[in-house]
Amino acid sequence: GVPTQNTLNLLQESGICISAGSACAKGHRSHVLSAMNIRPEIID
């Protein structure tokens, strides 16, 4: 329910650096979590 970018922004406001997943695959839904058949709302 919270888009990944929103979480990244909220944590960055607290000075915390995390990643959406692989740093080499910006802007794409995770192919790893998709291959694991995780629900789209969880992946997003």
PDB file of all heavy atoms in Angstrom:
ATOM      1  N   GLY A   1       0.793  -1.219   0.000  1.00  0.00           N
ATOM      2  CA  GLY A   1       0.000   0.000   0.000  1.00  0.00           C
ATOM      3  C   GLY A   1       0.822   1.264   0.000  1.00  0.00           C
ATOM      4  O   GLY A   1       0.304   2.355  -0.242  1.00  0.00           O
ATOM      5  N   VAL A   2       2.108   1.153   0.285  1.00  0.00           N
ATOM      6  CA  VAL A   2       3.017   2.300   0.243  1.00  0.00           C
ATOM      7  C   VAL A   2       4.000   2.074  -0.898  1.00  0.00           C
ATOM      8  O   VAL A   2       4.843   1.170  -0.807  1.00  0.00           O
ATOM      9  CB  VAL A   2       3.784   2.490   1.569  1.00  0.00           C
ATOM     10  CG1 VAL A   2       4.680   3.723   1.487  1.00  0.00           C
ATOM     11  CG2 VAL A   2       2.820   2.597   2.741  1.00  0.00           C
ATOM     12  N   PRO A   3       3.909   2.818  -1.987  1.00  0.00           N
ATOM     13  CA  PRO A   3       4.843   2.623  -3.099  1.00  0.00           C
ATOM     14  C   PRO A   3       6.288   2.704  -2.626  1.00  0.00           C
ATOM     15  O   PRO A   3       6.631   3.485  -1.723  1.00  0.00           O
ATOM     16  CB  PRO A   3       4.499   3.767  -4.056  1.00  0.00           C
ATOM     17  CG  PRO A   3       3.069   4.091  -3.739  1.00  0.00           C
ATOM     18  CD  PRO A   3       2.930   3.876  -2.260  1.00  0.00           C
ATOM     19  N   THR A   4       7.128   1.897  -3.242  1.00  0.00           N
ATOM     20  CA  THR A   4       8.525   1.820  -2.822  1.00  0.00           C
ATOM     21  C   THR A   4       9.185   3.193  -2.761  1.00  0.00           C
ATOM     22  O   THR A   4       9.887   3.508  -1.790  1.00  0.00           O
ATOM     23  CB  THR A   4       9.307   0.908  -3.786  1.00  0.00           C
ATOM     24  OG1 THR A   4       8.750  -0.405  -3.729  1.00  0.00           O
ATOM     25  CG2 THR A   4      10.770   0.849  -3.405  1.00  0.00           C
ATOM     26  N   GLN A   5       8.965   4.014  -3.765  1.00  0.00           N
ATOM     27  CA  GLN A   5       9.619   5.316  -3.790  1.00  0.00           C
ATOM     28  C   GLN A   5       9.185   6.177  -2.611  1.00  0.00           C
ATOM     29  O   GLN A   5       9.981   6.954  -2.068  1.00  0.00           O
ATOM     30  CB  GLN A   5       9.328   6.042  -5.109  1.00  0.00           C
ATOM     31  CG  GLN A   5      10.143   7.315  -5.299  1.00  0.00           C
ATOM     32  CD  GLN A   5      11.650   7.055  -5.276  1.00  0.00           C
ATOM     33  OE1 GLN A   5      12.154   6.217  -6.016  1.00  0.00           O
ATOM     34  NE2 GLN A   5      12.372   7.775  -4.418  1.00  0.00           N
ATOM     35  N   ASN A   6       7.932   6.038  -2.200  1.00  0.00           N
ATOM     36  CA  ASN A   6       7.465   6.790  -1.034  1.00  0.00           C
ATOM     37  C   ASN A   6       8.213   6.369   0.224  1.00  0.00           C
ATOM     38  O   ASN A   6       8.596   7.205   1.048  1.00  0.00           O
ATOM     39  CB  ASN A   6       5.965   6.593  -0.842  1.00  0.00           C
ATOM     40  CG  ASN A   6       5.155   7.238  -1.950  1.00  0.00           C
ATOM     41  OD1 ASN A   6       5.567   7.226  -3.106  1.00  0.00           O
ATOM     42  ND2 ASN A   6       4.003   7.787  -1.620  1.00  0.00           N
ATOM     43  N   THR A   7       8.401   5.052   0.374  1.00  0.00           N
ATOM     44  CA  THR A   7       9.152   4.556   1.538  1.00  0.00           C
ATOM     45  C   THR A   7      10.576   5.072   1.509  1.00  0.00           C
ATOM     46  O   THR A   7      11.115   5.516   2.537  1.00  0.00           O
ATOM     47  CB  THR A   7       9.147   3.013   1.566  1.00  0.00           C
ATOM     48  OG1 THR A   7       7.799   2.558   1.724  1.00  0.00           O
ATOM     49  CG2 THR A   7       9.989   2.484   2.709  1.00  0.00           C
ATOM     50  N   LEU A   8      11.210   5.026   0.334  1.00  0.00           N
ATOM     51  CA  LEU A   8      12.573   5.541   0.209  1.00  0.00           C
ATOM     52  C   LEU A   8      12.643   7.015   0.596  1.00  0.00           C
ATOM     53  O   LEU A   8      13.566   7.444   1.306  1.00  0.00           O
ATOM     54  CB  LEU A   8      13.088   5.344  -1.218  1.00  0.00           C
ATOM     55  CG  LEU A   8      13.893   4.068  -1.485  1.00  0.00           C
ATOM     56  CD1 LEU A   8      13.060   2.814  -1.231  1.00  0.00           C
ATOM     57  CD2 LEU A   8      14.428   4.049  -2.908  1.00  0.00           C
ATOM     58  N   ASN A   9      11.658   7.783   0.151  1.00  0.00           N
ATOM     59  CA  ASN A   9      11.643   9.220   0.467  1.00  0.00           C
ATOM     60  C   ASN A   9      11.439   9.465   1.956  1.00  0.00           C
ATOM     61  O   ASN A   9      12.099  10.318   2.566  1.00  0.00           O
ATOM     62  CB  ASN A   9      10.537   9.918  -0.319  1.00  0.00           C
ATOM     63  CG  ASN A   9      10.816   9.935  -1.820  1.00  0.00           C
ATOM     64  OD1 ASN A   9      11.946   9.723  -2.249  1.00  0.00           O
ATOM     65  ND2 ASN A   9       9.780  10.174  -2.606  1.00  0.00           N
ATOM     66  N   LEU A  10      10.491   8.724   2.563  1.00  0.00           N
ATOM     67  CA  LEU A  10      10.210   8.899   3.987  1.00  0.00           C
ATOM     68  C   LEU A  10      11.437   8.546   4.836  1.00  0.00           C
ATOM     69  O   LEU A  10      11.758   9.238   5.810  1.00  0.00           O
ATOM     70  CB  LEU A  10       9.016   8.033   4.397  1.00  0.00           C
ATOM     71  CG  LEU A  10       7.655   8.497   3.868  1.00  0.00           C
ATOM     72  CD1 LEU A  10       6.618   7.387   4.035  1.00  0.00           C
ATOM     73  CD2 LEU A  10       7.205   9.762   4.587  1.00  0.00           C
ATOM     74  N   LEU A  11      12.125   7.472   4.468  1.00  0.00           N
ATOM     75  CA  LEU A  11      13.307   7.066   5.225  1.00  0.00           C
ATOM     76  C   LEU A  11      14.469   8.025   4.978  1.00  0.00           C
ATOM     77  O   LEU A  11      15.261   8.301   5.890  1.00  0.00           O
ATOM     78  CB  LEU A  11      13.706   5.634   4.867  1.00  0.00           C
ATOM     79  CG  LEU A  11      12.712   4.555   5.309  1.00  0.00           C
ATOM     80  CD1 LEU A  11      13.183   3.171   4.896  1.00  0.00           C
ATOM     81  CD2 LEU A  11      12.486   4.591   6.821  1.00  0.00           C
ATOM     82  N   GLN A  12      14.548   8.540   3.772  1.00  0.00           N
ATOM     83  CA  GLN A  12      15.617   9.493   3.482  1.00  0.00           C
ATOM     84  C   GLN A  12      15.469  10.753   4.325  1.00  0.00           C
ATOM     85  O   GLN A  12      16.458  11.375   4.729  1.00  0.00           O
ATOM     86  CB  GLN A  12      15.611   9.851   1.997  1.00  0.00           C
ATOM     87  CG  GLN A  12      16.762  10.755   1.581  1.00  0.00           C
ATOM     88  CD  GLN A  12      16.862  10.866   0.077  1.00  0.00           C
ATOM     89  OE1 GLN A  12      17.196   9.923  -0.614  1.00  0.00           O
ATOM     90  NE2 GLN A  12      16.565  12.056  -0.440  1.00  0.00           N
ATOM     91  N   GLU A  13      14.224  11.127   4.625  1.00  0.00           N
ATOM     92  CA  GLU A  13      13.998  12.281   5.489  1.00  0.00           C
ATOM     93  C   GLU A  13      14.543  12.042   6.895  1.00  0.00           C
ATOM     94  O   GLU A  13      14.830  12.994   7.634  1.00  0.00           O
ATOM     95  CB  GLU A  13      12.500  12.597   5.556  1.00  0.00           C
ATOM     96  CG  GLU A  13      11.947  13.157   4.248  1.00  0.00           C
ATOM     97  CD  GLU A  13      10.432  13.253   4.252  1.00  0.00           C
ATOM     98  OE1 GLU A  13       9.820  12.955   5.308  1.00  0.00           O
ATOM     99  OE2 GLU A  13       9.859  13.621   3.210  1.00  0.00           O
ATOM    100  N   SER A  14      14.686  10.754   7.256  1.00  0.00           N
ATOM    101  CA  SER A  14      15.301  10.409   8.541  1.00  0.00           C
ATOM    102  C   SER A  14      16.786  10.120   8.398  1.00  0.00           C
ATOM    103  O   SER A  14      17.421   9.618   9.333  1.00  0.00           O
ATOM    104  CB  SER A  14      14.605   9.174   9.127  1.00  0.00           C
ATOM    105  OG  SER A  14      13.251   9.451   9.427  1.00  0.00           O
ATOM    106  N   GLY A  15      17.336  10.404   7.216  1.00  0.00           N
ATOM    107  CA  GLY A  15      18.766  10.214   6.996  1.00  0.00           C
ATOM    108  C   GLY A  15      19.159   8.784   6.725  1.00  0.00           C
ATOM    109  O   GLY A  15      20.325   8.412   6.908  1.00  0.00           O
ATOM    110  N   ILE A  16      18.195   7.956   6.270  1.00  0.00           N
ATOM    111  CA  ILE A  16      18.450   6.529   6.059  1.00  0.00           C
ATOM    112  C   ILE A  16      18.478   6.217   4.571  1.00  0.00           C
ATOM    113  O   ILE A  16      17.551   6.576   3.836  1.00  0.00           O
ATOM    114  CB  ILE A  16      17.364   5.675   6.746  1.00  0.00           C
ATOM    115  CG1 ILE A  16      17.326   5.975   8.249  1.00  0.00           C
ATOM    116  CG2 ILE A  16      17.603   4.192   6.491  1.00  0.00           C
ATOM    117  CD1 ILE A  16      16.113   5.401   8.946  1.00  0.00           C
ATOM    118  N   CYS A  17      19.532   5.563   4.126  1.00  0.00           N
ATOM    119  CA  CYS A  17      19.669   5.163   2.728  1.00  0.00           C
ATOM    120  C   CYS A  17      19.379   3.673   2.591  1.00  0.00           C
ATOM    121  O   CYS A  17      20.071   2.835   3.184  1.00  0.00           O
ATOM    122  CB  CYS A  17      21.088   5.432   2.223  1.00  0.00           C
ATOM    123  SG  CYS A  17      21.580   7.160   2.290  1.00  0.00           S
ATOM    124  N   ILE A  18      18.348   3.337   1.804  1.00  0.00           N
ATOM    125  CA  ILE A  18      18.041   1.953   1.462  1.00  0.00           C
ATOM    126  C   ILE A  18      17.844   1.881  -0.044  1.00  0.00           C
ATOM    127  O   ILE A  18      17.969   2.880  -0.745  1.00  0.00           O
ATOM    128  CB  ILE A  18      16.787   1.425   2.192  1.00  0.00           C
ATOM    129  CG1 ILE A  18      15.568   2.300   1.827  1.00  0.00           C
ATOM    130  CG2 ILE A  18      17.011   1.374   3.695  1.00  0.00           C
ATOM    131  CD1 ILE A  18      14.252   1.675   2.194  1.00  0.00           C
ATOM    132  N   SER A  19      17.497   0.703  -0.538  1.00  0.00           N
ATOM    133  CA  SER A  19      17.356   0.520  -1.977  1.00  0.00           C
ATOM    134  C   SER A  19      15.995  -0.055  -2.324  1.00  0.00           C
ATOM    135  O   SER A  19      15.374  -0.755  -1.515  1.00  0.00           O
ATOM    136  CB  SER A  19      18.451  -0.428  -2.477  1.00  0.00           C
ATOM    137  OG  SER A  19      18.222  -0.801  -3.813  1.00  0.00           O
ATOM    138  N   ALA A  20      15.557   0.238  -3.554  1.00  0.00           N
ATOM    139  CA  ALA A  20      14.317  -0.359  -4.049  1.00  0.00           C
ATOM    140  C   ALA A  20      14.519  -1.833  -4.402  1.00  0.00           C
ATOM    141  O   ALA A  20      13.555  -2.551  -4.633  1.00  0.00           O
ATOM    142  CB  ALA A  20      13.836   0.398  -5.278  1.00  0.00           C
ATOM    143  N   GLY A  21      15.743  -2.285  -4.457  1.00  0.00           N
ATOM    144  CA  GLY A  21      16.068  -3.662  -4.859  1.00  0.00           C
ATOM    145  C   GLY A  21      17.449  -3.629  -5.447  1.00  0.00           C
ATOM    146  O   GLY A  21      18.377  -3.106  -4.849  1.00  0.00           O
ATOM    147  N   SER A  22      17.607  -4.146  -6.659  1.00  0.00           N
ATOM    148  CA  SER A  22      18.898  -4.038  -7.322  1.00  0.00           C
ATOM    149  C   SER A  22      19.108  -2.601  -7.767  1.00  0.00           C
ATOM    150  O   SER A  22      18.259  -2.014  -8.430  1.00  0.00           O
ATOM    151  CB  SER A  22      18.951  -4.962  -8.543  1.00  0.00           C
ATOM    152  OG  SER A  22      20.124  -4.703  -9.289  1.00  0.00           O
ATOM    153  N   ALA A  23      20.252  -2.040  -7.425  1.00  0.00           N
ATOM    154  CA  ALA A  23      20.552  -0.663  -7.819  1.00  0.00           C
ATOM    155  C   ALA A  23      20.770  -0.540  -9.322  1.00  0.00           C
ATOM    156  O   ALA A  23      20.820   0.555  -9.853  1.00  0.00           O
ATOM    157  CB  ALA A  23      21.801  -0.172  -7.079  1.00  0.00           C
ATOM    158  N   CYS A  24      20.897  -1.681 -10.010  1.00  0.00           N
ATOM    159  CA  CYS A  24      21.159  -1.669 -11.447  1.00  0.00           C
ATOM    160  C   CYS A  24      19.881  -1.809 -12.266  1.00  0.00           C
ATOM    161  O   CYS A  24      19.931  -2.022 -13.470  1.00  0.00           O
ATOM    162  CB  CYS A  24      22.120  -2.801 -11.807  1.00  0.00           C
ATOM    163  SG  CYS A  24      23.660  -2.741 -10.871  1.00  0.00           S
ATOM    164  N   ALA A  25      18.713  -1.781 -11.635  1.00  0.00           N
ATOM    165  CA  ALA A  25      17.446  -1.983 -12.360  1.00  0.00           C
ATOM    166  C   ALA A  25      16.422  -0.947 -11.933  1.00  0.00           C
ATOM    167  O   ALA A  25      15.343  -1.270 -11.450  1.00  0.00           O
ATOM    168  CB  ALA A  25      16.922  -3.396 -12.106  1.00  0.00           C
ATOM    169  N   LYS A  26      16.774   0.319 -12.109  1.00  0.00           N
ATOM    170  CA  LYS A  26      15.915   1.406 -11.645  1.00  0.00           C
ATOM    171  C   LYS A  26      14.602   1.436 -12.423  1.00  0.00           C
ATOM    172  O   LYS A  26      14.561   1.263 -13.629  1.00  0.00           O
ATOM    173  CB  LYS A  26      16.632   2.742 -11.822  1.00  0.00           C
ATOM    174  CG  LYS A  26      17.888   2.895 -10.970  1.00  0.00           C
ATOM    175  CD  LYS A  26      18.566   4.216 -11.253  1.00  0.00           C
ATOM    176  CE  LYS A  26      19.845   4.365 -10.437  1.00  0.00           C
ATOM    177  NZ  LYS A  26      20.544   5.615 -10.771  1.00  0.00           N
ATOM    178  N   GLY A  27      13.524   1.680 -11.703  1.00  0.00           N
ATOM    179  CA  GLY A  27      12.250   1.952 -12.353  1.00  0.00           C
ATOM    180  C   GLY A  27      11.485   0.746 -12.842  1.00  0.00           C
ATOM    181  O   GLY A  27      10.477   0.895 -13.523  1.00  0.00           O
ATOM    182  N   HIS A  28      11.935  -0.432 -12.518  1.00  0.00           N
ATOM    183  CA  HIS A  28      11.248  -1.629 -12.975  1.00  0.00           C
ATOM    184  C   HIS A  28      10.764  -2.436 -11.781  1.00  0.00           C
ATOM    185  O   HIS A  28      11.431  -2.499 -10.749  1.00  0.00           O
ATOM    186  CB  HIS A  28      12.188  -2.491 -13.840  1.00  0.00           C
ATOM    187  CG  HIS A  28      12.706  -1.782 -15.059  1.00  0.00           C
ATOM    188  ND1 HIS A  28      11.944  -1.580 -16.175  1.00  0.00           N
ATOM    189  CD2 HIS A  28      13.918  -1.230 -15.319  1.00  0.00           C
ATOM    190  CE1 HIS A  28      12.657  -0.936 -17.092  1.00  0.00           C
ATOM    191  NE2 HIS A  28      13.856  -0.699 -16.588  1.00  0.00           N
ATOM    192  N   ARG A  29       9.628  -3.082 -11.944  1.00  0.00           N
ATOM    193  CA  ARG A  29       9.147  -3.993 -10.899  1.00  0.00           C
ATOM    194  C   ARG A  29      10.135  -5.149 -10.773  1.00  0.00           C
ATOM    195  O   ARG A  29      10.620  -5.685 -11.763  1.00  0.00           O
ATOM    196  CB  ARG A  29       7.762  -4.506 -11.280  1.00  0.00           C
ATOM    197  CG  ARG A  29       7.175  -5.487 -10.282  1.00  0.00           C
ATOM    198  CD  ARG A  29       5.759  -5.889 -10.663  1.00  0.00           C
ATOM    199  NE  ARG A  29       4.796  -4.861 -10.265  1.00  0.00           N
ATOM    200  CZ  ARG A  29       3.504  -4.891 -10.594  1.00  0.00           C
ATOM    201  NH1 ARG A  29       3.036  -5.855 -11.362  1.00  0.00           N
ATOM    202  NH2 ARG A  29       2.694  -3.937 -10.174  1.00  0.00           N
ATOM    203  N   SER A  30      10.436  -5.551  -9.560  1.00  0.00           N
ATOM    204  CA  SER A  30      11.443  -6.573  -9.313  1.00  0.00           C
ATOM    205  C   SER A  30      11.137  -7.872 -10.049  1.00  0.00           C
ATOM    206  O   SER A  30      10.110  -8.505  -9.820  1.00  0.00           O
ATOM    207  CB  SER A  30      11.538  -6.863  -7.810  1.00  0.00           C
ATOM    208  OG  SER A  30      12.273  -8.046  -7.572  1.00  0.00           O
ATOM    209  N   HIS A  31      12.059  -8.276 -10.925  1.00  0.00           N
ATOM    210  CA  HIS A  31      11.893  -9.552 -11.620  1.00  0.00           C
ATOM    211  C   HIS A  31      12.106 -10.723 -10.664  1.00  0.00           C
ATOM    212  O   HIS A  31      11.581 -11.810 -10.880  1.00  0.00           O
ATOM    213  CB  HIS A  31      12.856  -9.647 -12.805  1.00  0.00           C
ATOM    214  CG  HIS A  31      14.305  -9.775 -12.410  1.00  0.00           C
ATOM    215  ND1 HIS A  31      15.058  -8.709 -11.963  1.00  0.00           N
ATOM    216  CD2 HIS A  31      15.133 -10.850 -12.383  1.00  0.00           C
ATOM    217  CE1 HIS A  31      16.289  -9.116 -11.691  1.00  0.00           C
ATOM    218  NE2 HIS A  31      16.359 -10.414 -11.937  1.00  0.00           N
ATOM    219  N   VAL A  32      12.875 -10.482  -9.604  1.00  0.00           N
ATOM    220  CA  VAL A  32      13.133 -11.542  -8.620  1.00  0.00           C
ATOM    221  C   VAL A  32      11.849 -11.867  -7.849  1.00  0.00           C
ATOM    222  O   VAL A  32      11.431 -13.031  -7.765  1.00  0.00           O
ATOM    223  CB  VAL A  32      14.257 -11.117  -7.660  1.00  0.00           C
ATOM    224  CG1 VAL A  32      14.405 -12.141  -6.526  1.00  0.00           C
ATOM    225  CG2 VAL A  32      15.570 -10.966  -8.414  1.00  0.00           C
ATOM    226  N   LEU A  33      11.222 -10.846  -7.284  1.00  0.00           N
ATOM    227  CA  LEU A  33      10.003 -11.072  -6.510  1.00  0.00           C
ATOM    228  C   LEU A  33       8.862 -11.541  -7.411  1.00  0.00           C
ATOM    229  O   LEU A  33       8.020 -12.347  -6.994  1.00  0.00           O
ATOM    230  CB  LEU A  33       9.612  -9.799  -5.761  1.00  0.00           C
ATOM    231  CG  LEU A  33      10.664  -9.247  -4.779  1.00  0.00           C
ATOM    232  CD1 LEU A  33      10.125  -8.030  -4.044  1.00  0.00           C
ATOM    233  CD2 LEU A  33      11.120 -10.312  -3.791  1.00  0.00           C
ATOM    234  N   SER A  34       8.838 -11.069  -8.651  1.00  0.00           N
ATOM    235  CA  SER A  34       7.821 -11.539  -9.604  1.00  0.00           C
ATOM    236  C   SER A  34       7.991 -13.026  -9.874  1.00  0.00           C
ATOM    237  O   SER A  34       7.000 -13.772  -9.923  1.00  0.00           O
ATOM    238  CB  SER A  34       7.916 -10.748 -10.911  1.00  0.00           C
ATOM    239  OG  SER A  34       7.625  -9.381 -10.711  1.00  0.00           O
ATOM    240  N   ALA A  35       9.234 -13.466 -10.044  1.00  0.00           N
ATOM    241  CA  ALA A  35       9.497 -14.889 -10.305  1.00  0.00           C
ATOM    242  C   ALA A  35       9.121 -15.760  -9.111  1.00  0.00           C
ATOM    243  O   ALA A  35       8.824 -16.947  -9.270  1.00  0.00           O
ATOM    244  CB  ALA A  35      10.967 -15.091 -10.655  1.00  0.00           C
ATOM    245  N   MET A  36       9.100 -15.165  -7.908  1.00  0.00           N
ATOM    246  CA  MET A  36       8.710 -15.895  -6.703  1.00  0.00           C
ATOM    247  C   MET A  36       7.189 -15.932  -6.521  1.00  0.00           C
ATOM    248  O   MET A  36       6.689 -16.461  -5.536  1.00  0.00           O
ATOM    249  CB  MET A  36       9.365 -15.253  -5.477  1.00  0.00           C
ATOM    250  CG  MET A  36      10.877 -15.402  -5.438  1.00  0.00           C
ATOM    251  SD  MET A  36      11.691 -14.232  -4.296  1.00  0.00           S
ATOM    252  CE  MET A  36      10.910 -14.632  -2.739  1.00  0.00           C
ATOM    253  N   ASN A  37       6.465 -15.347  -7.487  1.00  0.00           N
ATOM    254  CA  ASN A  37       4.996 -15.305  -7.457  1.00  0.00           C
ATOM    255  C   ASN A  37       4.451 -14.538  -6.252  1.00  0.00           C
ATOM    256  O   ASN A  37       3.393 -14.876  -5.702  1.00  0.00           O
ATOM    257  CB  ASN A  37       4.402 -16.716  -7.502  1.00  0.00           C
ATOM    258  CG  ASN A  37       4.656 -17.399  -8.839  1.00  0.00           C
ATOM    259  OD1 ASN A  37       4.518 -16.779  -9.892  1.00  0.00           O
ATOM    260  ND2 ASN A  37       5.044 -18.662  -8.793  1.00  0.00           N
ATOM    261  N   ILE A  38       5.190 -13.510  -5.850  1.00  0.00           N
ATOM    262  CA  ILE A  38       4.708 -12.639  -4.782  1.00  0.00           C
ATOM    263  C   ILE A  38       3.655 -11.695  -5.360  1.00  0.00           C
ATOM    264  O   ILE A  38       3.768 -11.236  -6.498  1.00  0.00           O
ATOM    265  CB  ILE A  38       5.883 -11.868  -4.158  1.00  0.00           C
ATOM    266  CG1 ILE A  38       6.768 -12.852  -3.360  1.00  0.00           C
ATOM    267  CG2 ILE A  38       5.413 -10.732  -3.256  1.00  0.00           C
ATOM    268  CD1 ILE A  38       7.994 -12.239  -2.750  1.00  0.00           C
ATOM    269  N   ARG A  39       2.654 -11.398  -4.583  1.00  0.00           N
ATOM    270  CA  ARG A  39       1.542 -10.573  -5.071  1.00  0.00           C
ATOM    271  C   ARG A  39       2.025  -9.187  -5.491  1.00  0.00           C
ATOM    272  O   ARG A  39       2.893  -8.600  -4.837  1.00  0.00           O
ATOM    273  CB  ARG A  39       0.466 -10.432  -4.001  1.00  0.00           C
ATOM    274  CG  ARG A  39      -0.174 -11.753  -3.588  1.00  0.00           C
ATOM    275  CD  ARG A  39      -1.476 -11.533  -2.831  1.00  0.00           C
ATOM    276  NE  ARG A  39      -1.377 -10.562  -1.773  1.00  0.00           N
ATOM    277  CZ  ARG A  39      -0.972 -10.812  -0.533  1.00  0.00           C
ATOM    278  NH1 ARG A  39      -0.609 -12.046  -0.205  1.00  0.00           N
ATOM    279  NH2 ARG A  39      -0.933  -9.857   0.386  1.00  0.00           N
ATOM    280  N   PRO A  40       1.444  -8.635  -6.562  1.00  0.00           N
ATOM    281  CA  PRO A  40       1.896  -7.333  -7.075  1.00  0.00           C
ATOM    282  C   PRO A  40       1.889  -6.226  -6.033  1.00  0.00           C
ATOM    283  O   PRO A  40       2.800  -5.380  -6.012  1.00  0.00           O
ATOM    284  CB  PRO A  40       0.905  -7.047  -8.211  1.00  0.00           C
ATOM    285  CG  PRO A  40       0.470  -8.399  -8.672  1.00  0.00           C
ATOM    286  CD  PRO A  40       0.433  -9.248  -7.437  1.00  0.00           C
ATOM    287  N   GLU A  41       0.869  -6.193  -5.148  1.00  0.00           N
ATOM    288  CA  GLU A  41       0.808  -5.112  -4.161  1.00  0.00           C
ATOM    289  C   GLU A  41       1.967  -5.196  -3.151  1.00  0.00           C
ATOM    290  O   GLU A  41       2.383  -4.178  -2.584  1.00  0.00           O
ATOM    291  CB  GLU A  41      -0.537  -5.121  -3.417  1.00  0.00           C
ATOM    292  CG  GLU A  41      -0.820  -6.365  -2.595  1.00  0.00           C
ATOM    293  CD  GLU A  41      -1.570  -7.440  -3.386  1.00  0.00           C
ATOM    294  OE1 GLU A  41      -1.463  -7.457  -4.631  1.00  0.00           O
ATOM    295  OE2 GLU A  41      -2.255  -8.256  -2.744  1.00  0.00           O
ATOM    296  N   ILE A  42       2.463  -6.405  -2.931  1.00  0.00           N
ATOM    297  CA  ILE A  42       3.628  -6.564  -2.054  1.00  0.00           C
ATOM    298  C   ILE A  42       4.894  -6.144  -2.795  1.00  0.00           C
ATOM    299  O   ILE A  42       5.741  -5.434  -2.250  1.00  0.00           O
ATOM    300  CB  ILE A  42       3.740  -8.018  -1.541  1.00  0.00           C
ATOM    301  CG1 ILE A  42       2.550  -8.329  -0.625  1.00  0.00           C
ATOM    302  CG2 ILE A  42       5.057  -8.234  -0.800  1.00  0.00           C
ATOM    303  CD1 ILE A  42       2.535  -9.741  -0.087  1.00  0.00           C
ATOM    304  N   ILE A  43       5.008  -6.565  -4.061  1.00  0.00           N
ATOM    305  CA  ILE A  43       6.182  -6.182  -4.852  1.00  0.00           C
ATOM    306  C   ILE A  43       6.282  -4.665  -4.970  1.00  0.00           C
ATOM    307  O   ILE A  43       7.367  -4.080  -4.822  1.00  0.00           O
ATOM    308  CB  ILE A  43       6.121  -6.816  -6.254  1.00  0.00           C
ATOM    309  CG1 ILE A  43       6.141  -8.347  -6.163  1.00  0.00           C
ATOM    310  CG2 ILE A  43       7.287  -6.327  -7.116  1.00  0.00           C
ATOM    311  CD1 ILE A  43       5.982  -9.053  -7.495  1.00  0.00           C
ATOM    312  N   ASP A  44       5.150  -4.016  -5.202  1.00  0.00           N
ATOM    313  CA  ASP A  44       5.163  -2.576  -5.431  1.00  0.00           C
ATOM    314  C   ASP A  44       5.492  -1.775  -4.180  1.00  0.00           C
ATOM    315  O   ASP A  44       5.782  -0.580  -4.269  1.00  0.00           O
ATOM    316  CB  ASP A  44       3.820  -2.123  -6.000  1.00  0.00           C
ATOM    317  CG  ASP A  44       3.593  -2.649  -7.417  1.00  0.00           C
ATOM    318  OD1 ASP A  44       4.579  -3.065  -8.055  1.00  0.00           O
ATOM    319  OD2 ASP A  44       2.437  -2.644  -7.872  1.00  0.00           O
TER     320      ASP A  44
END
